Amino acid sequence: MSVVHKIGRRKTAVARVYLSEGSGKVTVNKRDLENYFSTAPLQYKVNQPFELTETVGKYDVKVNVFGGGITGQAEAVRLAISRALCEIDTEFRASLKPEGLLTRDPRMVERKKFGQKKARKKFQFSKR
């Protein structure tokens, strides 16, 4: 098996994942997973596709991620890993799809409109 390359996005975060057979080492931006994603929920999000497909410790993951915040980056990495696992074995799709790991979350920040304070908030209205 060669290296599988996939992209995952969430809000403004973009993650490029390179998946290859190995010992289960996850490297994010040339740093260890525990150093980059310091909290347990974020680490769980990144490892969730492996746990659902029962492939923990079978693949080495190299990730380049940029943009957005730390949570958006973790979810972008999760989507990219899920897509890569589906390319390796189509059987994994059956366990990942019901959990929603193959769905690109389309929610983005709404743009600010002119003549308004923010996207939806207006300037204070004075009748007199």
Protein backbone atom coordinates (compact mmCIF):
# COMPACT_ATOMS: atom_id res chain seq x y z
CA MET A 1 0.00 0.00 0.00
CA SER A 2 1.34 3.41 -0.95
CA VAL A 3 0.60 6.71 0.75
CA VAL A 4 -3.04 7.84 0.55
CA HIS A 5 -3.56 11.61 0.34
CA LYS A 6 -6.91 13.22 1.24
CA ILE A 7 -8.17 16.68 2.16
CA GLY A 8 -10.69 17.58 4.87
CA ARG A 9 -12.25 20.97 5.56
CA ARG A 10 -14.25 22.55 8.38
CA LYS A 11 -15.15 26.26 8.51
CA THR A 12 -11.90 27.88 7.32
CA ALA A 13 -9.59 25.03 8.41
CA VAL A 14 -8.00 22.83 5.75
CA ALA A 15 -6.26 19.54 6.60
CA ARG A 16 -4.10 17.51 4.22
CA VAL A 17 -3.67 13.94 5.45
CA TYR A 18 -1.09 11.40 4.27
CA LEU A 19 -2.00 7.89 5.48
CA SER A 20 0.43 4.98 5.25
CA GLU A 21 0.79 1.61 6.94
CA GLY A 22 2.76 1.78 10.17
CA SER A 23 2.60 1.76 13.94
CA GLY A 24 -0.15 4.32 14.58
CA LYS A 25 1.99 7.46 14.90
CA VAL A 26 0.05 10.68 14.25
CA THR A 27 2.08 13.78 13.36
CA VAL A 28 0.33 17.16 12.99
CA ASN A 29 2.39 20.01 11.49
CA LYS A 30 5.62 18.16 12.37
CA ARG A 31 4.50 17.89 16.01
CA ASP A 32 3.13 14.97 17.98
CA LEU A 33 -0.68 14.67 18.23
CA GLU A 34 -0.62 15.20 22.02
CA ASN A 35 1.45 18.38 21.63
CA TYR A 36 -0.67 19.93 18.88
CA PHE A 37 -4.14 18.96 20.13
CA SER A 38 -3.59 19.27 23.86
CA THR A 39 -7.09 18.44 25.17
CA ALA A 40 -8.57 14.94 25.31
CA PRO A 41 -11.78 15.73 23.33
CA LEU A 42 -9.74 17.03 20.38
CA GLN A 43 -7.48 13.96 20.44
CA TYR A 44 -10.60 11.77 20.57
CA LYS A 45 -12.01 13.53 17.49
CA VAL A 46 -8.83 12.86 15.53
CA ASN A 47 -8.70 9.17 16.58
CA GLN A 48 -12.45 8.53 16.20
CA PRO A 49 -12.28 7.11 12.62
CA PHE A 50 -9.65 4.57 13.71
CA GLU A 51 -11.71 3.47 16.72
CA LEU A 52 -14.88 3.03 14.65
CA THR A 53 -13.09 0.99 11.97
CA GLU A 54 -11.03 -0.94 14.57
CA THR A 55 -7.73 0.06 12.91
CA VAL A 56 -6.04 1.70 15.92
CA GLY A 57 -2.25 1.43 15.57
CA LYS A 58 -2.27 0.14 11.97
CA TYR A 59 -1.62 3.38 10.08
CA ASP A 60 0.84 6.26 10.38
CA VAL A 61 -0.71 9.67 9.76
CA LYS A 62 1.10 12.81 8.65
CA VAL A 63 -1.08 15.92 8.72
CA ASN A 64 -0.61 19.46 7.42
CA VAL A 65 -3.37 21.68 8.77
CA PHE A 66 -3.88 25.45 8.63
CA GLY A 67 -6.60 28.06 9.04
CA GLY A 68 -9.46 28.32 11.47
CA GLY A 69 -9.36 27.46 15.14
CA ILE A 70 -8.17 24.38 16.99
CA THR A 71 -11.59 22.65 17.02
CA GLY A 72 -12.19 23.29 13.33
CA GLN A 73 -8.74 21.92 12.58
CA ALA A 74 -9.42 18.75 14.59
CA GLU A 75 -12.70 18.15 12.74
CA ALA A 76 -11.02 18.82 9.39
CA VAL A 77 -8.37 16.20 10.25
CA ARG A 78 -11.13 13.75 11.27
CA LEU A 79 -12.91 14.18 7.92
CA ALA A 80 -9.67 13.73 5.94
CA ILE A 81 -8.72 10.57 7.88
CA SER A 82 -12.22 9.15 7.34
CA ARG A 83 -11.99 9.79 3.59
CA ALA A 84 -8.54 8.19 3.44
CA LEU A 85 -9.73 5.07 5.30
CA CYS A 86 -12.65 4.73 2.86
CA GLU A 87 -10.23 4.81 -0.06
CA ILE A 88 -8.10 2.07 1.55
CA ASP A 89 -11.08 -0.21 2.21
CA THR A 90 -14.64 0.49 1.06
CA GLU A 91 -15.97 -1.72 3.89
CA PHE A 92 -15.10 1.05 6.37
CA ARG A 93 -17.73 3.30 4.79
CA ALA A 94 -20.53 1.30 6.45
CA SER A 95 -19.22 2.09 9.95
CA LEU A 96 -18.17 5.72 9.30
CA LYS A 97 -21.23 7.00 7.40
CA PRO A 98 -23.85 6.49 10.18
CA GLU A 99 -21.64 8.41 12.61
CA GLY A 100 -21.54 11.38 10.20
CA LEU A 101 -17.76 11.29 9.72
CA LEU A 102 -17.95 11.42 5.91
CA THR A 103 -20.16 14.52 5.80
CA ARG A 104 -18.52 17.88 5.13
CA ASP A 105 -20.06 20.33 7.63
CA PRO A 106 -21.17 23.26 5.42
CA ARG A 107 -21.70 25.77 8.26
CA MET A 108 -19.55 28.85 7.80
CA VAL A 109 -19.42 32.27 9.43
CA GLU A 110 -22.00 34.55 7.84
CA ARG A 111 -20.50 37.63 6.24
CA LYS A 112 -20.99 41.12 7.65
CA LYS A 113 -23.40 43.25 5.62
CA PHE A 114 -22.89 46.95 4.93
CA GLY A 115 -25.11 49.34 6.93
CA GLN A 116 -25.18 46.84 9.80
CA LYS A 117 -23.06 46.32 12.89
CA LYS A 118 -22.44 42.59 12.24
CA ALA A 119 -23.94 39.87 10.06
CA ARG A 120 -27.39 40.09 11.66
CA LYS A 121 -27.06 42.78 14.33
CA LYS A 122 -28.22 46.24 13.27
CA PHE A 123 -27.23 49.66 14.50
CA GLN A 124 -29.51 51.04 17.21
CA PHE A 125 -32.71 52.46 15.75
CA SER A 126 -33.98 55.81 17.02
CA LYS A 127 -37.50 56.79 16.08
CA ARG A 128 -37.08 60.41 17.31
